[in-house]
């Protein structure tokens, strides 16, 4: 019974809205840290923020337009953004804990596509003004990059579970 209900979740708007709300909450938290607590984001933080926005946009589409195409695009965007976000967060953790931080690589200007220079269009959201080696904020003994790695891994795990449920549901038809 529960399994059958979970299989239908991707067809409902509630899970997509919850996904979107979680991403919106993360984005609001990031902006609070930046503009209220004055913790300036580095390039890796901005890329992770972009992945969160990707998850948000991916969740909005099936929330607004209930169609198999919107759900497919939502699943693709959610998967790509959560896995990409995890990889960027993992690189950020590697930079923070590098044996020799002198060789840690962190760009100065975001490498957004020329047709979408987010850091120029919305510098208050996508402008990188911080240092990748900055790790002053801590919660439960872990810094922001470590928490983001856990968050993106959670997004990716839930994505994989929902995708498997969707595939099982499609095979039963």
N, C-alpha and C. Protein backbone atom coordinates (compact mmCIF):
# COMPACT_ATOMS: atom_id res chain seq x y z
N UNK A 1 0.83 -1.19 0.00
CA UNK A 1 0.00 0.00 0.00
C UNK A 1 0.88 1.26 0.00
N UNK A 2 1.81 1.34 0.94
CA UNK A 2 2.71 2.49 1.01
C UNK A 2 3.57 2.58 -0.24
N UNK A 3 4.03 1.42 -0.73
CA UNK A 3 4.85 1.39 -1.93
C UNK A 3 4.08 1.96 -3.12
N UNK A 4 2.80 1.60 -3.25
CA UNK A 4 1.97 2.10 -4.34
C UNK A 4 1.79 3.61 -4.25
N UNK A 5 1.63 4.13 -3.03
CA UNK A 5 1.49 5.57 -2.85
C UNK A 5 2.79 6.29 -3.23
N UNK A 6 3.92 5.72 -2.82
CA UNK A 6 5.21 6.34 -3.14
C UNK A 6 5.47 6.33 -4.65
N UNK A 7 5.00 5.30 -5.34
CA UNK A 7 5.19 5.24 -6.78
C UNK A 7 4.46 6.37 -7.50
N UNK A 8 3.37 6.84 -6.93
CA UNK A 8 2.60 7.91 -7.55
C UNK A 8 3.08 9.30 -7.15
N UNK A 9 4.01 9.39 -6.23
CA UNK A 9 4.49 10.69 -5.77
C UNK A 9 4.99 11.59 -6.88
N UNK A 10 5.80 11.10 -7.80
CA UNK A 10 6.30 12.00 -8.85
C UNK A 10 5.19 12.60 -9.72
N UNK A 11 4.01 11.98 -9.74
CA UNK A 11 2.90 12.50 -10.52
C UNK A 11 2.11 13.57 -9.76
N UNK A 12 2.38 13.71 -8.49
CA UNK A 12 1.69 14.68 -7.64
C UNK A 12 2.50 15.98 -7.55
N UNK A 13 1.82 17.07 -7.27
CA UNK A 13 2.54 18.35 -7.14
C UNK A 13 3.18 18.51 -5.76
N UNK A 14 2.65 17.85 -4.74
CA UNK A 14 3.18 18.04 -3.38
C UNK A 14 4.67 17.76 -3.26
N UNK A 15 5.18 16.61 -3.72
CA UNK A 15 6.62 16.36 -3.58
C UNK A 15 7.48 17.38 -4.34
N UNK A 16 7.01 17.79 -5.51
CA UNK A 16 7.76 18.78 -6.27
C UNK A 16 7.78 20.13 -5.55
N UNK A 17 6.67 20.46 -4.93
CA UNK A 17 6.61 21.73 -4.17
C UNK A 17 7.49 21.66 -2.93
N UNK A 18 7.52 20.50 -2.28
CA UNK A 18 8.40 20.33 -1.11
C UNK A 18 9.87 20.45 -1.53
N UNK A 19 10.20 19.84 -2.66
CA UNK A 19 11.56 19.95 -3.19
C UNK A 19 11.90 21.42 -3.46
N UNK A 20 10.98 22.12 -4.11
CA UNK A 20 11.20 23.53 -4.41
C UNK A 20 11.32 24.37 -3.15
N UNK A 21 10.49 24.09 -2.15
CA UNK A 21 10.57 24.83 -0.89
C UNK A 21 11.89 24.59 -0.17
N UNK A 22 12.37 23.36 -0.23
CA UNK A 22 13.66 23.08 0.43
C UNK A 22 14.79 23.85 -0.26
N UNK A 23 14.76 23.89 -1.60
CA UNK A 23 15.79 24.63 -2.33
C UNK A 23 15.64 26.13 -2.08
N UNK A 24 14.41 26.63 -2.04
CA UNK A 24 14.20 28.05 -1.75
C UNK A 24 14.70 28.39 -0.35
N UNK A 25 14.47 27.49 0.60
CA UNK A 25 14.98 27.70 1.96
C UNK A 25 16.50 27.75 2.00
N UNK A 26 17.15 26.88 1.23
CA UNK A 26 18.62 26.91 1.17
C UNK A 26 19.12 28.20 0.54
N UNK A 27 18.46 28.63 -0.52
CA UNK A 27 18.86 29.88 -1.17
C UNK A 27 18.67 31.07 -0.23
N UNK A 28 17.55 31.12 0.47
CA UNK A 28 17.31 32.19 1.44
C UNK A 28 18.35 32.17 2.56
N UNK A 29 18.70 30.98 3.01
CA UNK A 29 19.72 30.84 4.05
C UNK A 29 21.08 31.34 3.55
N UNK A 30 21.42 30.99 2.32
CA UNK A 30 22.69 31.45 1.74
C UNK A 30 22.73 32.97 1.66
N UNK A 31 21.62 33.56 1.24
CA UNK A 31 21.58 35.02 1.13
C UNK A 31 21.61 35.68 2.51
N UNK A 32 21.01 35.05 3.50
CA UNK A 32 21.08 35.54 4.88
C UNK A 32 22.54 35.50 5.37
N UNK A 33 23.21 34.38 5.16
CA UNK A 33 24.62 34.29 5.56
C UNK A 33 25.45 35.36 4.88
N UNK A 34 25.17 35.61 3.60
CA UNK A 34 25.96 36.58 2.85
C UNK A 34 25.65 38.02 3.24
N UNK A 35 24.39 38.38 3.25
CA UNK A 35 24.03 39.79 3.39
C UNK A 35 23.76 40.24 4.82
N UNK A 36 23.47 39.32 5.73
CA UNK A 36 23.22 39.68 7.12
C UNK A 36 24.42 39.34 8.00
N UNK A 37 24.94 38.12 7.85
CA UNK A 37 26.07 37.70 8.67
C UNK A 37 27.41 38.06 8.05
N UNK A 38 27.39 38.59 6.82
CA UNK A 38 28.58 39.04 6.10
C UNK A 38 29.60 37.92 5.86
N UNK A 39 29.11 36.71 5.59
CA UNK A 39 29.98 35.61 5.18
C UNK A 39 29.99 35.60 3.66
N UNK A 40 31.06 36.09 3.08
CA UNK A 40 31.12 36.28 1.63
C UNK A 40 31.36 34.96 0.91
N UNK A 41 30.57 34.69 -0.15
CA UNK A 41 30.68 33.42 -0.87
C UNK A 41 31.88 33.40 -1.83
N UNK A 42 32.51 32.25 -1.90
CA UNK A 42 33.61 32.06 -2.85
C UNK A 42 33.04 31.48 -4.15
N UNK A 43 33.91 31.21 -5.09
CA UNK A 43 33.48 30.63 -6.38
C UNK A 43 32.75 29.31 -6.16
N UNK A 44 33.31 28.44 -5.34
CA UNK A 44 32.69 27.13 -5.10
C UNK A 44 31.30 27.31 -4.46
N UNK A 45 31.18 28.28 -3.56
CA UNK A 45 29.88 28.57 -2.93
C UNK A 45 28.88 29.04 -3.98
N UNK A 46 29.32 29.88 -4.89
CA UNK A 46 28.45 30.39 -5.94
C UNK A 46 28.01 29.26 -6.87
N UNK A 47 28.91 28.37 -7.21
CA UNK A 47 28.53 27.22 -8.05
C UNK A 47 27.53 26.32 -7.32
N UNK A 48 27.74 26.12 -6.01
CA UNK A 48 26.79 25.34 -5.23
C UNK A 48 25.44 26.05 -5.17
N UNK A 49 25.47 27.36 -5.04
CA UNK A 49 24.24 28.15 -5.03
C UNK A 49 23.51 28.00 -6.37
N UNK A 50 24.28 27.98 -7.45
CA UNK A 50 23.69 27.79 -8.78
C UNK A 50 23.04 26.42 -8.88
N UNK A 51 23.65 25.40 -8.29
CA UNK A 51 23.06 24.07 -8.29
C UNK A 51 21.74 24.06 -7.50
N UNK A 52 21.70 24.79 -6.40
CA UNK A 52 20.46 24.89 -5.61
C UNK A 52 19.38 25.58 -6.44
N UNK A 53 19.74 26.63 -7.17
CA UNK A 53 18.79 27.30 -8.05
C UNK A 53 18.33 26.33 -9.15
N UNK A 54 19.23 25.49 -9.64
CA UNK A 54 18.86 24.47 -10.62
C UNK A 54 17.83 23.50 -10.07
N UNK A 55 18.00 23.10 -8.82
CA UNK A 55 17.02 22.22 -8.18
C UNK A 55 15.69 22.95 -8.02
N UNK A 56 15.75 24.21 -7.63
CA UNK A 56 14.54 25.02 -7.47
C UNK A 56 13.77 25.12 -8.79
N UNK A 57 14.45 25.46 -9.85
CA UNK A 57 13.81 25.58 -11.16
C UNK A 57 13.28 24.23 -11.63
N UNK A 58 14.04 23.17 -11.38
CA UNK A 58 13.61 21.83 -11.76
C UNK A 58 12.35 21.41 -11.02
N UNK A 59 12.19 21.87 -9.79
CA UNK A 59 11.00 21.54 -9.01
C UNK A 59 9.81 22.40 -9.41
N UNK A 60 10.07 23.62 -9.83
CA UNK A 60 8.97 24.52 -10.20
C UNK A 60 8.20 24.05 -11.42
N UNK A 61 8.91 23.55 -12.40
CA UNK A 61 8.27 23.16 -13.66
C UNK A 61 7.16 22.13 -13.45
N UNK A 62 7.41 20.98 -12.79
CA UNK A 62 6.31 20.02 -12.58
C UNK A 62 5.29 20.50 -11.54
N UNK A 63 5.69 21.46 -10.69
CA UNK A 63 4.74 22.00 -9.72
C UNK A 63 3.68 22.86 -10.41
N UNK A 64 4.11 23.55 -11.45
CA UNK A 64 3.21 24.47 -12.15
C UNK A 64 2.48 23.77 -13.29
N UNK A 65 3.20 22.96 -14.03
CA UNK A 65 2.63 22.31 -15.22
C UNK A 65 2.73 20.80 -15.05
N UNK A 66 1.63 20.16 -14.73
CA UNK A 66 1.61 18.71 -14.52
C UNK A 66 1.49 18.00 -15.86
N UNK A 67 2.60 17.56 -16.36
CA UNK A 67 2.66 16.85 -17.63
C UNK A 67 3.88 15.93 -17.58
N UNK A 68 3.86 14.87 -18.36
CA UNK A 68 4.99 13.93 -18.35
C UNK A 68 6.28 14.60 -18.82
N UNK A 69 6.18 15.56 -19.74
CA UNK A 69 7.38 16.27 -20.21
C UNK A 69 7.97 17.12 -19.09
N UNK A 70 7.12 17.83 -18.35
CA UNK A 70 7.63 18.67 -17.25
C UNK A 70 8.25 17.81 -16.15
N UNK A 71 7.66 16.65 -15.88
CA UNK A 71 8.24 15.75 -14.87
C UNK A 71 9.58 15.19 -15.35
N UNK A 72 9.65 14.85 -16.62
CA UNK A 72 10.92 14.36 -17.18
C UNK A 72 12.00 15.44 -17.07
N UNK A 73 11.67 16.66 -17.47
CA UNK A 73 12.63 17.76 -17.36
C UNK A 73 12.98 18.04 -15.90
N UNK A 74 11.98 17.92 -15.02
CA UNK A 74 12.23 18.10 -13.59
C UNK A 74 13.19 17.07 -13.03
N UNK A 75 12.98 15.80 -13.41
CA UNK A 75 13.87 14.73 -12.96
C UNK A 75 15.29 14.93 -13.49
N UNK A 76 15.41 15.28 -14.75
CA UNK A 76 16.74 15.49 -15.34
C UNK A 76 17.45 16.64 -14.64
N UNK A 77 16.76 17.77 -14.50
CA UNK A 77 17.37 18.93 -13.85
C UNK A 77 17.74 18.66 -12.40
N UNK A 78 16.85 18.02 -11.67
CA UNK A 78 17.09 17.69 -10.27
C UNK A 78 18.31 16.78 -10.14
N UNK A 79 18.39 15.75 -10.96
CA UNK A 79 19.52 14.83 -10.89
C UNK A 79 20.84 15.50 -11.23
N UNK A 80 20.85 16.26 -12.33
CA UNK A 80 22.08 16.94 -12.75
C UNK A 80 22.52 17.94 -11.69
N UNK A 81 21.59 18.76 -11.20
CA UNK A 81 21.94 19.79 -10.23
C UNK A 81 22.41 19.20 -8.90
N UNK A 82 21.76 18.14 -8.44
CA UNK A 82 22.17 17.57 -7.14
C UNK A 82 23.52 16.87 -7.23
N UNK A 83 23.77 16.17 -8.32
CA UNK A 83 25.06 15.49 -8.48
C UNK A 83 26.17 16.51 -8.72
N UNK A 84 25.90 17.50 -9.57
CA UNK A 84 26.90 18.55 -9.83
C UNK A 84 27.19 19.32 -8.54
N UNK A 85 26.15 19.65 -7.78
CA UNK A 85 26.33 20.35 -6.51
C UNK A 85 27.17 19.54 -5.53
N UNK A 86 26.93 18.23 -5.48
CA UNK A 86 27.73 17.36 -4.61
C UNK A 86 29.19 17.39 -5.02
N UNK A 87 29.47 17.28 -6.31
CA UNK A 87 30.85 17.28 -6.79
C UNK A 87 31.56 18.60 -6.47
N UNK A 88 30.86 19.71 -6.64
CA UNK A 88 31.45 21.02 -6.32
C UNK A 88 31.69 21.13 -4.81
N UNK A 89 30.73 20.71 -4.00
CA UNK A 89 30.90 20.75 -2.54
C UNK A 89 32.06 19.87 -2.11
N UNK A 90 32.19 18.72 -2.77
CA UNK A 90 33.30 17.81 -2.45
C UNK A 90 34.65 18.46 -2.80
N UNK A 91 34.72 19.11 -3.95
CA UNK A 91 35.95 19.85 -4.32
C UNK A 91 36.24 20.94 -3.30
N UNK A 92 35.19 21.62 -2.84
CA UNK A 92 35.37 22.68 -1.86
C UNK A 92 35.93 22.13 -0.54
N UNK A 93 35.41 21.01 -0.11
CA UNK A 93 35.93 20.37 1.11
C UNK A 93 37.39 19.99 0.91
N UNK A 94 37.73 19.47 -0.26
CA UNK A 94 39.13 19.12 -0.56
C UNK A 94 40.04 20.34 -0.48
N UNK A 95 39.56 21.48 -0.97
CA UNK A 95 40.34 22.72 -0.89
C UNK A 95 40.54 23.12 0.57
N UNK A 96 39.48 23.03 1.36
CA UNK A 96 39.55 23.44 2.76
C UNK A 96 40.53 22.59 3.57
N UNK A 97 40.61 21.31 3.24
CA UNK A 97 41.43 20.40 4.03
C UNK A 97 42.65 19.90 3.28
N UNK A 98 43.07 20.65 2.28
CA UNK A 98 44.25 20.25 1.49
C UNK A 98 45.50 20.27 2.38
N UNK A 99 46.38 19.30 2.15
CA UNK A 99 47.62 19.22 2.93
C UNK A 99 48.48 20.47 2.69
N UNK A 100 48.48 20.95 1.47
CA UNK A 100 49.21 22.17 1.14
C UNK A 100 48.25 23.14 0.47
N UNK A 101 47.64 24.06 1.24
CA UNK A 101 46.64 24.97 0.69
C UNK A 101 47.18 25.90 -0.39
N UNK A 102 48.50 26.03 -0.49
CA UNK A 102 49.09 26.88 -1.52
C UNK A 102 48.73 26.37 -2.92
N UNK A 103 48.57 25.06 -3.06
CA UNK A 103 48.26 24.46 -4.36
C UNK A 103 46.77 24.25 -4.59
N UNK A 104 45.94 24.65 -3.64
CA UNK A 104 44.49 24.53 -3.80
C UNK A 104 44.03 25.51 -4.87
N UNK A 105 43.22 25.02 -5.81
CA UNK A 105 42.79 25.84 -6.94
C UNK A 105 41.38 26.36 -6.70
N UNK A 106 41.25 27.67 -6.78
CA UNK A 106 39.96 28.32 -6.64
C UNK A 106 39.98 29.58 -7.52
N UNK A 107 39.15 29.59 -8.55
CA UNK A 107 39.12 30.74 -9.47
C UNK A 107 38.68 32.00 -8.75
N UNK A 108 38.86 33.12 -9.43
CA UNK A 108 38.46 34.41 -8.87
C UNK A 108 37.12 34.86 -9.45
N UNK A 109 36.91 34.62 -10.75
CA UNK A 109 35.70 35.04 -11.43
C UNK A 109 34.91 33.79 -11.84
N UNK A 110 33.59 33.78 -11.61
CA UNK A 110 32.80 32.61 -12.01
C UNK A 110 32.90 32.35 -13.51
N UNK A 111 32.85 31.09 -13.86
CA UNK A 111 32.97 30.66 -15.24
C UNK A 111 31.59 30.29 -15.79
N UNK A 112 30.67 31.26 -15.77
CA UNK A 112 29.34 31.04 -16.32
C UNK A 112 29.41 31.16 -17.83
N UNK A 113 28.49 30.53 -18.56
CA UNK A 113 28.49 30.65 -20.02
C UNK A 113 28.34 32.11 -20.45
N UNK A 114 28.92 32.45 -21.60
CA UNK A 114 28.88 33.83 -22.10
C UNK A 114 27.44 34.31 -22.31
N UNK A 115 26.53 33.39 -22.67
CA UNK A 115 25.14 33.79 -22.90
C UNK A 115 24.34 33.97 -21.60
N UNK A 116 24.94 33.61 -20.45
CA UNK A 116 24.25 33.72 -19.18
C UNK A 116 25.23 34.10 -18.06
N UNK A 117 25.78 35.31 -18.10
CA UNK A 117 26.73 35.73 -17.05
C UNK A 117 25.99 36.14 -15.77
N UNK A 118 25.57 35.15 -15.00
CA UNK A 118 24.77 35.40 -13.81
C UNK A 118 25.46 36.35 -12.83
N UNK A 119 26.79 36.25 -12.73
CA UNK A 119 27.53 37.10 -11.80
C UNK A 119 27.49 38.57 -12.22
N UNK A 120 27.22 38.85 -13.50
CA UNK A 120 27.07 40.23 -13.96
C UNK A 120 25.61 40.69 -13.87
N UNK A 121 24.68 39.79 -14.16
CA UNK A 121 23.27 40.14 -14.11
C UNK A 121 22.77 40.31 -12.68
N UNK A 122 23.18 39.41 -11.79
CA UNK A 122 22.72 39.40 -10.40
C UNK A 122 23.91 39.27 -9.46
N UNK A 123 24.74 40.32 -9.38
CA UNK A 123 25.95 40.20 -8.54
C UNK A 123 25.66 40.02 -7.05
N UNK A 124 24.53 40.49 -6.57
CA UNK A 124 24.20 40.32 -5.15
C UNK A 124 23.91 38.86 -4.81
N UNK A 125 23.60 38.06 -5.83
CA UNK A 125 23.30 36.64 -5.61
C UNK A 125 24.42 35.75 -6.11
N UNK A 126 24.99 36.08 -7.28
CA UNK A 126 25.97 35.20 -7.92
C UNK A 126 27.38 35.79 -8.00
N UNK A 127 27.63 36.90 -7.33
CA UNK A 127 28.97 37.46 -7.31
C UNK A 127 29.82 36.79 -6.25
N UNK A 128 31.00 36.35 -6.63
CA UNK A 128 31.91 35.67 -5.69
C UNK A 128 32.89 36.70 -5.12
N UNK A 129 32.74 36.97 -3.84
CA UNK A 129 33.60 37.96 -3.19
C UNK A 129 34.44 37.36 -2.06
N UNK A 130 34.27 36.08 -1.82
CA UNK A 130 34.97 35.44 -0.71
C UNK A 130 36.13 34.58 -1.15
N UNK A 131 36.74 33.94 -0.18
CA UNK A 131 37.92 33.09 -0.37
C UNK A 131 37.52 31.64 -0.12
N UNK A 132 37.93 30.75 -1.00
CA UNK A 132 37.57 29.33 -0.87
C UNK A 132 38.14 28.68 0.38
N UNK A 133 39.18 29.23 0.93
CA UNK A 133 39.79 28.63 2.12
C UNK A 133 39.17 29.13 3.42
N UNK A 134 38.22 30.04 3.33
CA UNK A 134 37.53 30.56 4.51
C UNK A 134 36.55 29.51 5.03
N UNK A 135 36.66 29.18 6.31
CA UNK A 135 35.82 28.14 6.91
C UNK A 135 35.45 28.53 8.33
N UNK A 136 35.05 29.80 8.52
CA UNK A 136 34.82 30.29 9.88
C UNK A 136 33.48 29.82 10.46
N UNK A 137 32.47 29.65 9.63
CA UNK A 137 31.17 29.22 10.13
C UNK A 137 31.20 27.71 10.37
N UNK A 138 30.77 27.30 11.54
CA UNK A 138 30.75 25.88 11.91
C UNK A 138 29.42 25.57 12.60
N UNK A 139 28.93 24.38 12.34
CA UNK A 139 27.76 23.88 13.05
C UNK A 139 27.99 22.39 13.26
N UNK A 140 27.91 21.95 14.49
CA UNK A 140 28.12 20.54 14.86
C UNK A 140 29.48 20.05 14.37
N UNK A 141 30.47 20.91 14.41
CA UNK A 141 31.83 20.53 14.05
C UNK A 141 32.12 20.47 12.56
N UNK A 142 31.17 20.91 11.74
CA UNK A 142 31.40 20.90 10.29
C UNK A 142 31.12 22.29 9.72
N UNK A 143 31.87 22.61 8.67
CA UNK A 143 31.69 23.89 7.99
C UNK A 143 30.62 23.80 6.92
N UNK A 144 30.38 24.94 6.28
CA UNK A 144 29.33 25.03 5.29
C UNK A 144 29.53 24.08 4.11
N UNK A 145 30.74 23.96 3.62
CA UNK A 145 31.00 23.08 2.47
C UNK A 145 30.70 21.63 2.83
N UNK A 146 31.04 21.23 4.04
CA UNK A 146 30.76 19.86 4.47
C UNK A 146 29.25 19.62 4.59
N UNK A 147 28.53 20.61 5.11
CA UNK A 147 27.07 20.49 5.20
C UNK A 147 26.44 20.44 3.81
N UNK A 148 26.97 21.24 2.90
CA UNK A 148 26.40 21.24 1.55
C UNK A 148 26.66 19.91 0.85
N UNK A 149 27.77 19.30 1.14
CA UNK A 149 28.04 17.97 0.58
C UNK A 149 26.98 16.97 1.06
N UNK A 150 26.63 17.04 2.34
CA UNK A 150 25.59 16.16 2.89
C UNK A 150 24.23 16.50 2.27
N UNK A 151 23.94 17.77 2.14
CA UNK A 151 22.65 18.19 1.57
C UNK A 151 22.52 17.73 0.13
N UNK A 152 23.56 17.95 -0.68
CA UNK A 152 23.49 17.52 -2.07
C UNK A 152 23.45 16.00 -2.20
N UNK A 153 24.14 15.29 -1.32
CA UNK A 153 24.07 13.83 -1.33
C UNK A 153 22.65 13.38 -1.00
N UNK A 154 22.01 14.06 -0.06
CA UNK A 154 20.63 13.73 0.29
C UNK A 154 19.70 13.98 -0.89
N UNK A 155 19.87 15.12 -1.55
CA UNK A 155 19.07 15.41 -2.75
C UNK A 155 19.26 14.31 -3.80
N UNK A 156 20.51 13.90 -4.01
CA UNK A 156 20.80 12.88 -5.03
C UNK A 156 20.22 11.52 -4.65
N UNK A 157 20.26 11.16 -3.37
CA UNK A 157 19.71 9.88 -2.92
C UNK A 157 18.19 9.87 -3.10
N UNK A 158 17.53 10.95 -2.68
CA UNK A 158 16.08 11.03 -2.84
C UNK A 158 15.72 11.02 -4.33
N UNK A 159 16.50 11.72 -5.15
CA UNK A 159 16.29 11.71 -6.60
C UNK A 159 16.37 10.28 -7.14
N UNK A 160 17.40 9.55 -6.75
CA UNK A 160 17.57 8.18 -7.24
C UNK A 160 16.41 7.28 -6.79
N UNK A 161 15.98 7.44 -5.56
CA UNK A 161 14.85 6.64 -5.06
C UNK A 161 13.57 6.97 -5.83
N UNK A 162 13.31 8.24 -6.03
CA UNK A 162 12.10 8.64 -6.76
C UNK A 162 12.17 8.18 -8.21
N UNK A 163 13.34 8.23 -8.79
CA UNK A 163 13.51 7.76 -10.17
C UNK A 163 13.26 6.26 -10.26
N UNK A 164 13.80 5.51 -9.30
CA UNK A 164 13.55 4.06 -9.29
C UNK A 164 12.07 3.76 -9.12
N UNK A 165 11.40 4.47 -8.22
CA UNK A 165 9.97 4.27 -8.04
C UNK A 165 9.21 4.60 -9.32
N UNK A 166 9.63 5.62 -9.99
CA UNK A 166 8.98 6.02 -11.26
C UNK A 166 9.17 4.96 -12.33
N UNK A 167 10.36 4.43 -12.43
CA UNK A 167 10.65 3.39 -13.42
C UNK A 167 9.83 2.14 -13.12
N UNK A 168 9.76 1.75 -11.85
CA UNK A 168 8.96 0.58 -11.45
C UNK A 168 7.49 0.83 -11.80
N UNK A 169 7.01 2.02 -11.55
CA UNK A 169 5.62 2.36 -11.83
C UNK A 169 5.35 2.31 -13.34
N UNK A 170 6.27 2.79 -14.16
CA UNK A 170 6.09 2.77 -15.61
C UNK A 170 6.10 1.35 -16.16
N UNK A 171 6.88 0.48 -15.56
CA UNK A 171 6.95 -0.92 -16.03
C UNK A 171 5.68 -1.69 -15.71
N UNK A 172 4.95 -1.25 -14.70
CA UNK A 172 3.73 -1.94 -14.31
C UNK A 172 2.57 -1.60 -15.23
N UNK A 173 2.71 -0.52 -16.00
CA UNK A 173 1.62 -0.08 -16.89
C UNK A 173 1.55 -0.96 -18.11
